[in-house]
Amino acid sequence: MSNATLSSSATLALPAVLMQAQAQSVADGLVQALLAHVAKGSEAVLDASALSQFDSSALAVVLACRRAVKAKGAHLRVTGLPARAQALAKVYGVAALLDEATHA
C-alpha cells in the first residue's frame, strides 16, 4: 500500500503530502485496504489528520474511497479532515459527500 499506513486500530491514514502525482497510487492502495477491512466486517475509517500539503486530488482520493466502500454496502468514516480540505470541498461542490463521511 503506497504512501498510506495501517495503524493497529485498523484506521487507514492519508499521507502528509498528497498531490496529483501521488493521488492514483494512494487511492489504489487505500481502496484495496479499505475493501479488505470491509470484507472482514471491520469499520472503514480514513484518518486525514496528517494532510499538510495537498491539492484537490486529496478530495478525489477520499471520494474514491467513499465510492468503493459504499459500493460494498458499507460506510466510510473520515476523521481529521483539515479545514482547508473542507473549504476546497465547498468550492468544488462536494462538501455534502464529505460531510456524510466526516459526521458518521
N, C-alpha and C. Protein backbone atom coordinates (compact mmCIF):
# COMPACT_ATOMS: atom_id res chain seq x y z
N MET A 1 0.86 -1.16 0.00
CA MET A 1 0.00 0.00 0.00
C MET A 1 0.91 1.22 0.00
N SER A 2 0.98 1.90 -1.06
CA SER A 2 1.90 3.01 -1.23
C SER A 2 1.41 4.28 -0.58
N ASN A 3 2.29 4.90 0.21
CA ASN A 3 2.04 6.21 0.80
C ASN A 3 0.85 6.27 1.76
N ALA A 4 0.41 5.17 2.27
CA ALA A 4 -0.66 5.15 3.26
C ALA A 4 -0.27 4.12 4.30
N THR A 5 -0.70 4.33 5.52
CA THR A 5 -0.30 3.41 6.57
C THR A 5 -1.51 2.84 7.29
N LEU A 6 -1.32 1.65 7.84
CA LEU A 6 -2.36 0.97 8.60
C LEU A 6 -1.93 0.97 10.05
N SER A 7 -2.73 1.52 10.91
CA SER A 7 -2.39 1.53 12.34
C SER A 7 -3.00 0.31 13.01
N SER A 8 -2.63 0.07 14.25
CA SER A 8 -3.14 -1.08 14.98
C SER A 8 -4.64 -0.99 15.23
N SER A 9 -5.19 0.21 15.14
CA SER A 9 -6.62 0.37 15.36
C SER A 9 -7.43 0.14 14.09
N ALA A 10 -6.77 -0.34 13.04
CA ALA A 10 -7.42 -0.62 11.76
C ALA A 10 -7.93 0.65 11.08
N THR A 11 -7.31 1.76 11.39
CA THR A 11 -7.63 3.02 10.73
C THR A 11 -6.56 3.29 9.70
N LEU A 12 -6.97 3.56 8.49
CA LEU A 12 -6.02 3.90 7.43
C LEU A 12 -5.80 5.40 7.42
N ALA A 13 -4.57 5.80 7.17
CA ALA A 13 -4.22 7.22 7.22
C ALA A 13 -3.77 7.74 5.86
N LEU A 14 -4.25 8.92 5.53
CA LEU A 14 -3.74 9.61 4.35
C LEU A 14 -2.33 10.11 4.67
N PRO A 15 -1.47 10.22 3.66
CA PRO A 15 -0.12 10.73 3.91
C PRO A 15 -0.13 12.23 4.12
N ALA A 16 0.97 12.77 4.63
CA ALA A 16 1.08 14.21 4.86
C ALA A 16 1.06 14.99 3.55
N VAL A 17 1.67 14.42 2.52
CA VAL A 17 1.71 15.07 1.21
C VAL A 17 0.87 14.25 0.24
N LEU A 18 -0.13 14.88 -0.33
CA LEU A 18 -1.00 14.19 -1.29
C LEU A 18 -1.36 15.16 -2.41
N MET A 19 -0.58 15.09 -3.46
CA MET A 19 -0.78 15.94 -4.64
C MET A 19 -1.17 15.04 -5.81
N GLN A 20 -1.45 15.65 -6.92
CA GLN A 20 -1.90 14.91 -8.09
C GLN A 20 -0.95 13.77 -8.46
N ALA A 21 0.35 14.00 -8.33
CA ALA A 21 1.33 12.98 -8.71
C ALA A 21 1.20 11.69 -7.89
N GLN A 22 0.76 11.80 -6.64
CA GLN A 22 0.63 10.62 -5.78
C GLN A 22 -0.79 10.08 -5.71
N ALA A 23 -1.74 10.83 -6.17
CA ALA A 23 -3.16 10.53 -5.92
C ALA A 23 -3.58 9.13 -6.37
N GLN A 24 -3.25 8.73 -7.58
CA GLN A 24 -3.72 7.43 -8.07
C GLN A 24 -3.15 6.28 -7.27
N SER A 25 -1.85 6.31 -6.98
CA SER A 25 -1.26 5.20 -6.23
C SER A 25 -1.80 5.16 -4.79
N VAL A 26 -1.98 6.33 -4.19
CA VAL A 26 -2.55 6.38 -2.83
C VAL A 26 -3.98 5.86 -2.85
N ALA A 27 -4.77 6.31 -3.81
CA ALA A 27 -6.17 5.86 -3.90
C ALA A 27 -6.24 4.35 -4.10
N ASP A 28 -5.43 3.83 -4.99
CA ASP A 28 -5.45 2.38 -5.25
C ASP A 28 -5.14 1.59 -3.99
N GLY A 29 -4.12 2.02 -3.26
CA GLY A 29 -3.74 1.31 -2.04
C GLY A 29 -4.80 1.41 -0.95
N LEU A 30 -5.32 2.61 -0.78
CA LEU A 30 -6.35 2.81 0.24
C LEU A 30 -7.62 2.03 -0.06
N VAL A 31 -8.06 2.08 -1.31
CA VAL A 31 -9.28 1.37 -1.69
C VAL A 31 -9.12 -0.13 -1.43
N GLN A 32 -7.99 -0.68 -1.84
CA GLN A 32 -7.74 -2.10 -1.63
C GLN A 32 -7.78 -2.45 -0.14
N ALA A 33 -7.10 -1.65 0.66
CA ALA A 33 -7.05 -1.92 2.10
C ALA A 33 -8.41 -1.72 2.77
N LEU A 34 -9.12 -0.66 2.40
CA LEU A 34 -10.45 -0.41 2.98
C LEU A 34 -11.42 -1.54 2.63
N LEU A 35 -11.37 -2.00 1.40
CA LEU A 35 -12.26 -3.09 1.00
C LEU A 35 -11.92 -4.38 1.73
N ALA A 36 -10.65 -4.58 2.03
CA ALA A 36 -10.26 -5.76 2.81
C ALA A 36 -10.83 -5.67 4.23
N HIS A 37 -10.80 -4.47 4.81
CA HIS A 37 -11.40 -4.28 6.14
C HIS A 37 -12.90 -4.54 6.10
N VAL A 38 -13.55 -4.00 5.10
CA VAL A 38 -15.00 -4.17 4.97
C VAL A 38 -15.34 -5.65 4.79
N ALA A 39 -14.56 -6.36 3.99
CA ALA A 39 -14.81 -7.78 3.76
C ALA A 39 -14.69 -8.59 5.05
N LYS A 40 -13.85 -8.13 5.97
CA LYS A 40 -13.68 -8.81 7.26
C LYS A 40 -14.70 -8.35 8.29
N GLY A 41 -15.57 -7.42 7.89
CA GLY A 41 -16.58 -6.91 8.81
C GLY A 41 -16.11 -5.75 9.65
N SER A 42 -14.92 -5.24 9.36
CA SER A 42 -14.39 -4.10 10.11
C SER A 42 -14.96 -2.79 9.59
N GLU A 43 -14.90 -1.80 10.43
CA GLU A 43 -15.35 -0.47 10.02
C GLU A 43 -14.29 0.15 9.10
N ALA A 44 -14.75 0.85 8.08
CA ALA A 44 -13.85 1.54 7.16
C ALA A 44 -13.63 2.96 7.68
N VAL A 45 -12.41 3.23 8.17
CA VAL A 45 -12.08 4.53 8.74
C VAL A 45 -10.85 5.08 8.04
N LEU A 46 -10.93 6.33 7.64
CA LEU A 46 -9.84 7.01 6.97
C LEU A 46 -9.46 8.25 7.77
N ASP A 47 -8.23 8.29 8.25
CA ASP A 47 -7.74 9.40 9.05
C ASP A 47 -7.01 10.39 8.14
N ALA A 48 -7.53 11.60 8.03
CA ALA A 48 -6.95 12.63 7.16
C ALA A 48 -6.16 13.66 7.94
N SER A 49 -5.95 13.45 9.22
CA SER A 49 -5.33 14.47 10.05
C SER A 49 -3.88 14.77 9.70
N ALA A 50 -3.19 13.86 9.05
CA ALA A 50 -1.79 14.09 8.68
C ALA A 50 -1.65 15.01 7.47
N LEU A 51 -2.71 15.18 6.70
CA LEU A 51 -2.62 16.00 5.50
C LEU A 51 -2.11 17.40 5.82
N SER A 52 -0.99 17.75 5.21
CA SER A 52 -0.47 19.09 5.42
C SER A 52 -0.17 19.80 4.10
N GLN A 53 0.21 19.03 3.09
CA GLN A 53 0.45 19.59 1.77
C GLN A 53 -0.39 18.79 0.79
N PHE A 54 -1.42 19.43 0.23
CA PHE A 54 -2.33 18.70 -0.64
C PHE A 54 -3.00 19.65 -1.61
N ASP A 55 -3.57 19.06 -2.65
CA ASP A 55 -4.37 19.83 -3.59
C ASP A 55 -5.73 19.13 -3.70
N SER A 56 -6.51 19.52 -4.68
CA SER A 56 -7.85 18.95 -4.81
C SER A 56 -7.82 17.44 -5.07
N SER A 57 -6.68 16.93 -5.47
CA SER A 57 -6.55 15.48 -5.68
C SER A 57 -6.81 14.71 -4.38
N ALA A 58 -6.52 15.32 -3.25
CA ALA A 58 -6.78 14.66 -1.97
C ALA A 58 -8.28 14.40 -1.81
N LEU A 59 -9.08 15.36 -2.25
CA LEU A 59 -10.54 15.16 -2.20
C LEU A 59 -10.95 14.01 -3.11
N ALA A 60 -10.34 13.94 -4.27
CA ALA A 60 -10.65 12.86 -5.21
C ALA A 60 -10.31 11.51 -4.60
N VAL A 61 -9.22 11.44 -3.86
CA VAL A 61 -8.83 10.19 -3.20
C VAL A 61 -9.87 9.80 -2.15
N VAL A 62 -10.27 10.74 -1.32
CA VAL A 62 -11.27 10.45 -0.29
C VAL A 62 -12.60 10.02 -0.93
N LEU A 63 -12.99 10.71 -1.98
CA LEU A 63 -14.25 10.36 -2.65
C LEU A 63 -14.16 9.00 -3.34
N ALA A 64 -13.00 8.65 -3.89
CA ALA A 64 -12.82 7.32 -4.49
C ALA A 64 -12.96 6.24 -3.43
N CYS A 65 -12.39 6.49 -2.26
CA CYS A 65 -12.51 5.54 -1.16
C CYS A 65 -13.97 5.41 -0.73
N ARG A 66 -14.64 6.53 -0.60
CA ARG A 66 -16.05 6.54 -0.20
C ARG A 66 -16.89 5.74 -1.19
N ARG A 67 -16.66 5.99 -2.47
CA ARG A 67 -17.42 5.32 -3.53
C ARG A 67 -17.20 3.81 -3.49
N ALA A 68 -15.95 3.37 -3.33
CA ALA A 68 -15.64 1.94 -3.31
C ALA A 68 -16.26 1.24 -2.11
N VAL A 69 -16.15 1.88 -0.94
CA VAL A 69 -16.71 1.30 0.27
C VAL A 69 -18.24 1.25 0.19
N LYS A 70 -18.83 2.32 -0.31
CA LYS A 70 -20.28 2.38 -0.45
C LYS A 70 -20.80 1.32 -1.42
N ALA A 71 -20.02 1.04 -2.47
CA ALA A 71 -20.41 0.01 -3.45
C ALA A 71 -20.49 -1.38 -2.82
N LYS A 72 -19.78 -1.55 -1.72
CA LYS A 72 -19.82 -2.83 -0.98
C LYS A 72 -20.88 -2.81 0.12
N GLY A 73 -21.67 -1.75 0.17
CA GLY A 73 -22.74 -1.67 1.15
C GLY A 73 -22.29 -1.22 2.53
N ALA A 74 -21.10 -0.67 2.60
CA ALA A 74 -20.57 -0.22 3.89
C ALA A 74 -20.49 1.31 3.90
N HIS A 75 -20.00 1.84 5.00
CA HIS A 75 -19.89 3.29 5.17
C HIS A 75 -18.45 3.65 5.50
N LEU A 76 -17.94 4.69 4.89
CA LEU A 76 -16.61 5.19 5.19
C LEU A 76 -16.73 6.33 6.18
N ARG A 77 -15.94 6.25 7.26
CA ARG A 77 -15.88 7.34 8.22
C ARG A 77 -14.53 8.03 8.05
N VAL A 78 -14.57 9.34 7.83
CA VAL A 78 -13.36 10.13 7.65
C VAL A 78 -13.15 10.98 8.90
N THR A 79 -11.96 10.92 9.46
CA THR A 79 -11.65 11.73 10.64
C THR A 79 -10.51 12.69 10.31
N GLY A 80 -10.48 13.80 11.01
CA GLY A 80 -9.37 14.73 10.91
C GLY A 80 -9.20 15.47 9.61
N LEU A 81 -10.26 15.64 8.85
CA LEU A 81 -10.14 16.34 7.58
C LEU A 81 -9.82 17.82 7.84
N PRO A 82 -8.67 18.29 7.35
CA PRO A 82 -8.28 19.68 7.60
C PRO A 82 -9.30 20.69 7.09
N ALA A 83 -9.36 21.83 7.75
CA ALA A 83 -10.31 22.88 7.36
C ALA A 83 -10.11 23.32 5.91
N ARG A 84 -8.86 23.37 5.45
CA ARG A 84 -8.61 23.78 4.07
C ARG A 84 -9.19 22.77 3.08
N ALA A 85 -9.14 21.49 3.42
CA ALA A 85 -9.74 20.47 2.56
C ALA A 85 -11.26 20.61 2.55
N GLN A 86 -11.83 20.94 3.70
CA GLN A 86 -13.27 21.15 3.77
C GLN A 86 -13.67 22.37 2.94
N ALA A 87 -12.85 23.41 2.97
CA ALA A 87 -13.13 24.61 2.16
C ALA A 87 -13.04 24.28 0.67
N LEU A 88 -12.05 23.49 0.28
CA LEU A 88 -11.94 23.07 -1.13
C LEU A 88 -13.17 22.27 -1.55
N ALA A 89 -13.65 21.43 -0.67
CA ALA A 89 -14.83 20.62 -0.97
C ALA A 89 -16.04 21.51 -1.24
N LYS A 90 -16.17 22.59 -0.50
CA LYS A 90 -17.28 23.53 -0.73
C LYS A 90 -17.14 24.19 -2.09
N VAL A 91 -15.92 24.61 -2.43
CA VAL A 91 -15.68 25.26 -3.73
C VAL A 91 -16.03 24.31 -4.88
N TYR A 92 -15.67 23.04 -4.73
CA TYR A 92 -15.91 22.07 -5.80
C TYR A 92 -17.30 21.44 -5.74
N GLY A 93 -18.09 21.80 -4.76
CA GLY A 93 -19.47 21.30 -4.68
C GLY A 93 -19.60 19.87 -4.18
N VAL A 94 -18.60 19.38 -3.45
CA VAL A 94 -18.68 18.01 -2.95
C VAL A 94 -18.71 17.96 -1.42
N ALA A 95 -18.94 19.09 -0.79
CA ALA A 95 -18.94 19.14 0.67
C ALA A 95 -19.97 18.20 1.28
N ALA A 96 -21.13 18.10 0.67
CA ALA A 96 -22.18 17.23 1.23
C ALA A 96 -21.73 15.77 1.24
N LEU A 97 -21.00 15.36 0.22
CA LEU A 97 -20.50 13.98 0.19
C LEU A 97 -19.47 13.74 1.29
N LEU A 98 -18.63 14.72 1.53
CA LEU A 98 -17.64 14.59 2.59
C LEU A 98 -18.27 14.72 3.96
N ASP A 99 -19.27 15.59 4.08
CA ASP A 99 -19.96 15.74 5.37
C ASP A 99 -20.57 14.42 5.80
N GLU A 100 -21.10 13.69 4.85
CA GLU A 100 -21.70 12.40 5.13
C GLU A 100 -20.66 11.45 5.74
N ALA A 101 -19.42 11.54 5.27
CA ALA A 101 -18.38 10.66 5.77
C ALA A 101 -17.74 11.18 7.06
N THR A 102 -17.66 12.49 7.23
CA THR A 102 -16.99 13.03 8.40
C THR A 102 -17.91 13.11 9.63
N HIS A 103 -19.19 12.99 9.43
CA HIS A 103 -20.13 13.06 10.56
C HIS A 103 -20.79 11.72 10.85
N ALA A 104 -20.09 10.67 10.50
CA ALA A 104 -20.66 9.33 10.73
C ALA A 104 -20.55 8.94 12.18
